PDB file of N, CA and C in Angstrom:
ATOM      1  N   MET A   1      54.345 163.063  46.808  1.00  0.00           N
ATOM      2  CA  MET A   1      54.443 162.333  48.057  1.00  0.00           C
ATOM      3  C   MET A   1      54.782 160.849  47.824  1.00  0.00           C
ATOM      4  N   ILE A   2      54.324 160.330  46.703  1.00  0.00           N
ATOM      5  CA  ILE A   2      54.594 158.924  46.403  1.00  0.00           C
ATOM      6  C   ILE A   2      56.091 158.692  46.234  1.00  0.00           C
ATOM      7  N   PHE A   3      56.752 159.638  45.583  1.00  0.00           N
ATOM      8  CA  PHE A   3      58.185 159.472  45.339  1.00  0.00           C
ATOM      9  C   PHE A   3      58.983 159.552  46.643  1.00  0.00           C
ATOM     10  N   ILE A   4      58.519 160.346  47.575  1.00  0.00           N
ATOM     11  CA  ILE A   4      59.173 160.412  48.885  1.00  0.00           C
ATOM     12  C   ILE A   4      58.971 159.085  49.626  1.00  0.00           C
ATOM     13  N   ALA A   5      57.758 158.539  49.558  1.00  0.00           N
ATOM     14  CA  ALA A   5      57.495 157.247  50.207  1.00  0.00           C
ATOM     15  C   ALA A   5      58.338 156.137  49.595  1.00  0.00           C
ATOM     16  N   VAL A   6      58.471 156.160  48.274  1.00  0.00           N
ATOM     17  CA  VAL A   6      59.278 155.146  47.589  1.00  0.00           C
ATOM     18  C   VAL A   6      60.741 155.272  47.988  1.00  0.00           C
ATOM     19  N   SER A   7      61.233 156.496  48.073  1.00  0.00           N
ATOM     20  CA  SER A   7      62.639 156.674  48.456  1.00  0.00           C
ATOM     21  C   SER A   7      62.880 156.226  49.893  1.00  0.00           C
ATOM     22  N   ILE A   8      61.921 156.437  50.768  1.00  0.00           N
ATOM     23  CA  ILE A   8      62.061 155.976  52.155  1.00  0.00           C
ATOM     24  C   ILE A   8      62.052 154.446  52.206  1.00  0.00           C
ATOM     25  N   ILE A   9      61.168 153.822  51.422  1.00  0.00           N
ATOM     26  CA  ILE A   9      61.119 152.354  51.378  1.00  0.00           C
ATOM     27  C   ILE A   9      62.445 151.792  50.902  1.00  0.00           C
ATOM     28  N   LEU A  10      62.985 152.348  49.829  1.00  0.00           N
ATOM     29  CA  LEU A  10      64.236 151.836  49.275  1.00  0.00           C
ATOM     30  C   LEU A  10      65.409 152.084  50.216  1.00  0.00           C
ATOM     31  N   ALA A  11      65.436 153.239  50.856  1.00  0.00           N
ATOM     32  CA  ALA A  11      66.530 153.535  51.791  1.00  0.00           C
ATOM     33  C   ALA A  11      66.483 152.607  53.003  1.00  0.00           C
ATOM     34  N   ALA A  12      65.293 152.376  53.525  1.00  0.00           N
ATOM     35  CA  ALA A  12      65.169 151.488  54.684  1.00  0.00           C
ATOM     36  C   ALA A  12      65.543 150.052  54.324  1.00  0.00           C
ATOM     37  N   ALA A  13      65.140 149.616  53.142  1.00  0.00           N
ATOM     38  CA  ALA A  13      65.477 148.258  52.715  1.00  0.00           C
ATOM     39  C   ALA A  13      66.979 148.099  52.530  1.00  0.00           C
ATOM     40  N   ALA A  14      67.617 149.093  51.916  1.00  0.00           N
ATOM     41  CA  ALA A  14      69.066 149.016  51.697  1.00  0.00           C
ATOM     42  C   ALA A  14      69.825 149.070  53.025  1.00  0.00           C
ATOM     43  N   LEU A  15      69.394 149.936  53.920  1.00  0.00           N
ATOM     44  CA  LEU A  15      70.058 150.051  55.218  1.00  0.00           C
ATOM     45  C   LEU A  15      69.893 148.766  56.033  1.00  0.00           C
ATOM     46  N   GLY A  16      68.685 148.233  56.052  1.00  0.00           N
ATOM     47  CA  GLY A  16      68.444 147.002  56.799  1.00  0.00           C
ATOM     48  C   GLY A  16      69.232 145.828  56.257  1.00  0.00           C
ATOM     49  N   ALA A  17      69.294 145.724  54.938  1.00  0.00           N
ATOM     50  CA  ALA A  17      70.033 144.613  54.332  1.00  0.00           C
ATOM     51  C   ALA A  17      71.525 144.740  54.586  1.00  0.00           C
ATOM     52  N   SER A  18      72.043 145.948  54.498  1.00  0.00           N
ATOM     53  CA  SER A  18      73.479 146.120  54.720  1.00  0.00           C
ATOM     54  C   SER A  18      73.855 145.841  56.176  1.00  0.00           C
ATOM     55  N   LEU A  19      73.037 146.290  57.099  1.00  0.00           N
ATOM     56  CA  LEU A  19      73.315 146.004  58.511  1.00  0.00           C
ATOM     57  C   LEU A  19      73.175 144.509  58.811  1.00  0.00           C
ATOM     58  N   GLY A  20      72.164 143.885  58.231  1.00  0.00           N
ATOM     59  CA  GLY A  20      71.968 142.453  58.443  1.00  0.00           C
ATOM     60  C   GLY A  20      73.108 141.622  57.884  1.00  0.00           C
ATOM     61  N   MET A  21      73.546 141.964  56.684  1.00  0.00           N
ATOM     62  CA  MET A  21      74.638 141.208  56.067  1.00  0.00           C
ATOM     63  C   MET A  21      75.952 141.414  56.809  1.00  0.00           C
ATOM     64  N   SER A  22      76.213 142.639  57.263  1.00  0.00           N
ATOM     65  CA  SER A  22      77.462 142.875  57.993  1.00  0.00           C
ATOM     66  C   SER A  22      77.453 142.140  59.330  1.00  0.00           C
ATOM     67  N   ASN A  23      76.323 142.129  60.007  1.00  0.00           N
ATOM     68  CA  ASN A  23      76.226 141.402  61.273  1.00  0.00           C
ATOM     69  C   ASN A  23      76.354 139.899  61.040  1.00  0.00           C
ATOM     70  N   LEU A  24      75.721 139.414  59.994  1.00  0.00           N
ATOM     71  CA  LEU A  24      75.797 137.994  59.664  1.00  0.00           C
ATOM     72  C   LEU A  24      77.222 137.581  59.313  1.00  0.00           C
ATOM     73  N   GLY A  25      77.911 138.378  58.532  1.00  0.00           N
ATOM     74  CA  GLY A  25      79.289 138.077  58.155  1.00  0.00           C
ATOM     75  C   GLY A  25      80.238 138.094  59.336  1.00  0.00           C
ATOM     76  N   SER A  26      80.052 139.072  60.218  1.00  0.00           N
ATOM     77  CA  SER A  26      80.940 139.137  61.383  1.00  0.00           C
ATOM     78  C   SER A  26      80.726 137.942  62.310  1.00  0.00           C
ATOM     79  N   LYS A  27      79.477 137.524  62.461  1.00  0.00           N
ATOM     80  CA  LYS A  27      79.212 136.356  63.309  1.00  0.00           C
ATOM     81  C   LYS A  27      79.749 135.072  62.679  1.00  0.00           C
ATOM     82  N   LEU A  28      79.709 134.993  61.352  1.00  0.00           N
ATOM     83  CA  LEU A  28      80.280 133.820  60.684  1.00  0.00           C
ATOM     84  C   LEU A  28      81.787 133.749  60.921  1.00  0.00           C
ATOM     85  N   LEU A  29      82.466 134.868  60.747  1.00  0.00           N
ATOM     86  CA  LEU A  29      83.914 134.875  60.968  1.00  0.00           C
ATOM     87  C   LEU A  29      84.267 134.563  62.423  1.00  0.00           C
ATOM     88  N   GLU A  30      83.490 135.119  63.335  1.00  0.00           N
ATOM     89  CA  GLU A  30      83.733 134.867  64.751  1.00  0.00           C
ATOM     90  C   GLU A  30      83.523 133.395  65.097  1.00  0.00           C
ATOM     91  N   SER A  31      82.452 132.814  64.579  1.00  0.00           N
ATOM     92  CA  SER A  31      82.167 131.401  64.857  1.00  0.00           C
ATOM     93  C   SER A  31      83.193 130.484  64.218  1.00  0.00           C
ATOM     94  N   THR A  32      83.622 130.825  63.003  1.00  0.00           N
ATOM     95  CA  THR A  32      84.620 130.001  62.322  1.00  0.00           C
ATOM     96  C   THR A  32      85.964 130.085  63.035  1.00  0.00           C
ATOM     97  N   ALA A  33      86.289 131.242  63.583  1.00  0.00           N
ATOM     98  CA  ALA A  33      87.547 131.382  64.308  1.00  0.00           C
ATOM     99  C   ALA A  33      87.525 130.583  65.613  1.00  0.00           C
ATOM    100  N   ARG A  34      86.356 130.492  66.241  1.00  0.00           N
ATOM    101  CA  ARG A  34      86.265 129.750  67.495  1.00  0.00           C
ATOM    102  C   ARG A  34      86.280 128.241  67.278  1.00  0.00           C
ATOM    103  N   GLN A  35      85.559 127.783  66.235  1.00  0.00           N
ATOM    104  CA  GLN A  35      85.489 126.343  65.965  1.00  0.00           C
ATOM    105  C   GLN A  35      85.678 126.101  64.470  1.00  0.00           C
ATOM    106  N   PRO A  36      86.914 126.009  64.030  1.00  0.00           N
ATOM    107  CA  PRO A  36      87.189 125.846  62.594  1.00  0.00           C
ATOM    108  C   PRO A  36      86.614 124.561  61.992  1.00  0.00           C
ATOM    109  N   GLU A  37      86.409 123.556  62.802  1.00  0.00           N
ATOM    110  CA  GLU A  37      85.889 122.299  62.259  1.00  0.00           C
ATOM    111  C   GLU A  37      84.422 122.410  61.834  1.00  0.00           C
ATOM    112  N   LEU A  38      83.729 123.417  62.299  1.00  0.00           N
ATOM    113  CA  LEU A  38      82.330 123.625  61.914  1.00  0.00           C
ATOM    114  C   LEU A  38      82.172 124.567  60.725  1.00  0.00           C
ATOM    115  N   ALA A  39      83.258 124.974  60.105  1.00  0.00           N
ATOM    116  CA  ALA A  39      83.211 125.966  59.027  1.00  0.00           C
ATOM    117  C   ALA A  39      82.302 125.564  57.865  1.00  0.00           C
ATOM    118  N   PRO A  40      82.346 124.343  57.355  1.00  0.00           N
ATOM    119  CA  PRO A  40      81.456 124.011  56.232  1.00  0.00           C
ATOM    120  C   PRO A  40      79.966 124.095  56.598  1.00  0.00           C
ATOM    121  N   SER A  41      79.639 123.629  57.785  1.00  0.00           N
ATOM    122  CA  SER A  41      78.246 123.696  58.229  1.00  0.00           C
ATOM    123  C   SER A  41      77.795 125.139  58.421  1.00  0.00           C
ATOM    124  N   LEU A  42      78.675 125.943  58.996  1.00  0.00           N
ATOM    125  CA  LEU A  42      78.342 127.353  59.211  1.00  0.00           C
ATOM    126  C   LEU A  42      78.199 128.099  57.891  1.00  0.00           C
ATOM    127  N   GLN A  43      79.037 127.771  56.921  1.00  0.00           N
ATOM    128  CA  GLN A  43      78.944 128.435  55.622  1.00  0.00           C
ATOM    129  C   GLN A  43      77.634 128.121  54.929  1.00  0.00           C
ATOM    130  N   THR A  44      77.204 126.885  55.010  1.00  0.00           N
ATOM    131  CA  THR A  44      75.934 126.504  54.394  1.00  0.00           C
ATOM    132  C   THR A  44      74.785 127.293  55.006  1.00  0.00           C
ATOM    133  N   LYS A  45      74.767 127.364  56.318  1.00  0.00           N
ATOM    134  CA  LYS A  45      73.719 128.119  57.004  1.00  0.00           C
ATOM    135  C   LYS A  45      73.822 129.604  56.694  1.00  0.00           C
ATOM    136  N   PHE A  46      75.054 130.109  56.563  1.00  0.00           N
ATOM    137  CA  PHE A  46      75.264 131.512  56.222  1.00  0.00           C
ATOM    138  C   PHE A  46      74.634 131.855  54.877  1.00  0.00           C
ATOM    139  N   PHE A  47      74.858 131.016  53.873  1.00  0.00           N
ATOM    140  CA  PHE A  47      74.330 131.321  52.547  1.00  0.00           C
ATOM    141  C   PHE A  47      72.815 131.232  52.504  1.00  0.00           C
ATOM    142  N   ILE A  48      72.224 130.327  53.260  1.00  0.00           N
ATOM    143  CA  ILE A  48      70.760 130.241  53.315  1.00  0.00           C
ATOM    144  C   ILE A  48      70.185 131.499  53.953  1.00  0.00           C
ATOM    145  N   ILE A  49      70.751 131.915  55.071  1.00  0.00           N
ATOM    146  CA  ILE A  49      70.243 133.092  55.761  1.00  0.00           C
ATOM    147  C   ILE A  49      70.545 134.365  54.976  1.00  0.00           C
ATOM    148  N   ALA A  50      71.680 134.400  54.289  1.00  0.00           N
ATOM    149  CA  ALA A  50      72.004 135.567  53.456  1.00  0.00           C
ATOM    150  C   ALA A  50      70.982 135.732  52.341  1.00  0.00           C
ATOM    151  N   GLY A  51      70.540 134.626  51.768  1.00  0.00           N
ATOM    152  CA  GLY A  51      69.498 134.705  50.747  1.00  0.00           C
ATOM    153  C   GLY A  51      68.197 135.244  51.299  1.00  0.00           C
ATOM    154  N   LEU A  52      67.853 134.837  52.515  1.00  0.00           N
ATOM    155  CA  LEU A  52      66.635 135.353  53.137  1.00  0.00           C
ATOM    156  C   LEU A  52      66.762 136.829  53.487  1.00  0.00           C
ATOM    157  N   VAL A  53      67.941 137.244  53.941  1.00  0.00           N
ATOM    158  CA  VAL A  53      68.156 138.657  54.266  1.00  0.00           C
ATOM    159  C   VAL A  53      68.081 139.514  53.008  1.00  0.00           C
ATOM    160  N   GLU A  54      68.612 139.013  51.914  1.00  0.00           N
ATOM    161  CA  GLU A  54      68.588 139.777  50.661  1.00  0.00           C
ATOM    162  C   GLU A  54      67.219 139.767  49.996  1.00  0.00           C
ATOM    163  N   ALA A  55      66.337 138.869  50.390  1.00  0.00           N
ATOM    164  CA  ALA A  55      65.000 138.834  49.797  1.00  0.00           C
ATOM    165  C   ALA A  55      64.166 140.029  50.239  1.00  0.00           C
ATOM    166  N   ILE A  56      64.411 140.540  51.420  1.00  0.00           N
ATOM    167  CA  ILE A  56      63.610 141.645  51.936  1.00  0.00           C
ATOM    168  C   ILE A  56      63.783 142.920  51.107  1.00  0.00           C
ATOM    169  N   PRO A  57      65.001 143.337  50.733  1.00  0.00           N
ATOM    170  CA  PRO A  57      65.105 144.513  49.862  1.00  0.00           C
ATOM    171  C   PRO A  57      64.492 144.292  48.481  1.00  0.00           C
ATOM    172  N   ILE A  58      64.543 143.062  47.989  1.00  0.00           N
ATOM    173  CA  ILE A  58      63.933 142.782  46.689  1.00  0.00           C
ATOM    174  C   ILE A  58      62.423 142.950  46.782  1.00  0.00           C
ATOM    175  N   ILE A  59      61.823 142.503  47.874  1.00  0.00           N
ATOM    176  CA  ILE A  59      60.394 142.705  48.081  1.00  0.00           C
ATOM    177  C   ILE A  59      60.095 144.199  48.212  1.00  0.00           C
ATOM    178  N   GLY A  60      60.968 144.935  48.907  1.00  0.00           N
ATOM    179  CA  GLY A  60      60.796 146.379  49.035  1.00  0.00           C
ATOM    180  C   GLY A  60      60.845 147.091  47.695  1.00  0.00           C
ATOM    181  N   VAL A  61      61.739 146.664  46.815  1.00  0.00           N
ATOM    182  CA  VAL A  61      61.814 147.246  45.474  1.00  0.00           C
ATOM    183  C   VAL A  61      60.539 146.936  44.696  1.00  0.00           C
ATOM    184  N   GLY A  62      60.026 145.730  44.844  1.00  0.00           N
ATOM    185  CA  GLY A  62      58.777 145.375  44.178  1.00  0.00           C
ATOM    186  C   GLY A  62      57.614 146.234  44.645  1.00  0.00           C
ATOM    187  N   ILE A  63      57.516 146.447  45.947  1.00  0.00           N
ATOM    188  CA  ILE A  63      56.455 147.297  46.485  1.00  0.00           C
ATOM    189  C   ILE A  63      56.625 148.730  46.011  1.00  0.00           C
ATOM    190  N   ALA A  64      57.868 149.201  45.976  1.00  0.00           N
ATOM    191  CA  ALA A  64      58.124 150.563  45.513  1.00  0.00           C
ATOM    192  C   ALA A  64      57.731 150.731  44.046  1.00  0.00           C
ATOM    193  N   LEU A  65      58.040 149.747  43.240  1.00  0.00           N
ATOM    194  CA  LEU A  65      57.671 149.822  41.816  1.00  0.00           C
ATOM    195  C   LEU A  65      56.151 149.796  41.642  1.00  0.00           C
ATOM    196  N   VAL A  66      55.478 149.011  42.436  1.00  0.00           N
ATOM    197  CA  VAL A  66      54.000 149.012  42.376  1.00  0.00           C
ATOM    198  C   VAL A  66      53.472 150.379  42.743  1.00  0.00           C
ATOM    199  N   LEU A  67      54.011 150.978  43.782  1.00  0.00           N
ATOM    200  CA  LEU A  67      53.569 152.317  44.172  1.00  0.00           C
ATOM    201  C   LEU A  67      53.817 153.351  43.083  1.00  0.00           C
ATOM    202  N   VAL A  68      54.984 153.289  42.478  1.00  0.00           N
ATOM    203  CA  VAL A  68      55.317 154.283  41.453  1.00  0.00           C
ATOM    204  C   VAL A  68      54.429 154.148  40.230  1.00  0.00           C
ATOM    205  N   PHE A  69      54.233 152.925  39.767  1.00  0.00           N
ATOM    206  CA  PHE A  69      53.530 152.755  38.496  1.00  0.00           C
ATOM    207  C   PHE A  69      52.011 152.700  38.625  1.00  0.00           C
ATOM    208  N   THR A  70      51.489 152.453  39.809  1.00  0.00           N
ATOM    209  CA  THR A  70      50.025 152.444  39.951  1.00  0.00           C
ATOM    210  C   THR A  70      49.480 153.759  40.490  1.00  0.00           C
ATOM    211  N   MET A  71      50.271 154.460  41.271  1.00  0.00           N
ATOM    212  CA  MET A  71      49.793 155.702  41.889  1.00  0.00           C
ATOM    213  C   MET A  71      50.169 156.952  41.097  1.00  0.00           C
ATOM    214  N   ALA A  72      51.271 156.890  40.356  1.00  0.00           N
ATOM    215  CA  ALA A  72      51.741 158.100  39.677  1.00  0.00           C
ATOM    216  C   ALA A  72      51.048 158.325  38.357  1.00  0.00           C
TER     217      ALA A  72
END
């Protein structure tokens, strides 16, 4: 059962991160197309938020590894 829980955690983290990054990227392109003069500011904010979005799957992998190695 632990391995099923770990696989669900990893799948949810990967799905959430991929959806978040695709939505973030599309909004960046849309905003840059509307106001090109704000592109540098938008890019900076994009990279900060992208790092935060990618931190969630890394935390999920950490929790999954704890579950695998402490419970199994």
